[in-house]
Amino acid sequence: MGVKQRIFENGIYLNGLVLGFVLMGFEMLGSRYLNPYFGSGIVTWAALISTVLGALMVGYYLGGWLVDRNPRASVLASLLLVAAVYLFLIPAGATGGIELVLDYVGDGNFGVIVAAMALLFIPLVLLGTFSPFGVRLLLDKTERGGRVTGRVYGISTVGNVIGTLVTTLVLIPAIGTRTITLIFASIVVLCAISLFALDRQRPVVN
């Protein structure tokens, strides 16, 4: 394996770890945005978890569809930039958006689901496109398919676990929710920039 290929592979795996961190970290932040309006009970968490799982389902499908048509790291980077823009807008727009949901939908079960969807669905769909992109970009031989897929999903899941624990136990007690959201958005931008750079290492996957 050449040096450029090794850099490319390690870069993809590192992005999987970091984006996994942000994804689950933002789910934990979602509870902080919703709790003042809907409480912290089981319904709120059910709405959050369902939204995350639904977003990942759509993200996996969308990512797979896109990467089969254009297997470039730069395409994934562009999706991440859109996710970052959405995250940057959340601190300023979350309160007004949730209040609109309260006005038009109410604070019942359906209201919390709508609020969770409005808050998390779009950025998590876009972050969820990473996994199929990561597998396709790294898969140069079919006999490596199982190992590559296992590594991509395994490493991103490690990021999920770390993101959940660090966000809950360290970041939220120390930093405001909106500041953490901006930090996460900035991290996603850095991931996008790194993927644009990695695209130059391996422009096209056959």
Foldseek 3Di string as FASTA:
>chain_A
DDPLLVVLLVLLLVLLLLLLLLLLLVLVLLLVLCCVQQNNDPLLVVLSVVLLVVLLVLLQVVLLVVCVVALFLLVLLVLLLVLLVLLLCCVVCLVVVLVVLCVPPNRDSVSSNVSSNVNRRSSSSSSSSSLSSQLQNSDQDPVCNVVSSCSSVVSSVNSNVVSNCCSVPPVVVVHPSSVVSNVSSVVSNVSSVSSVVSCVSPVGHD
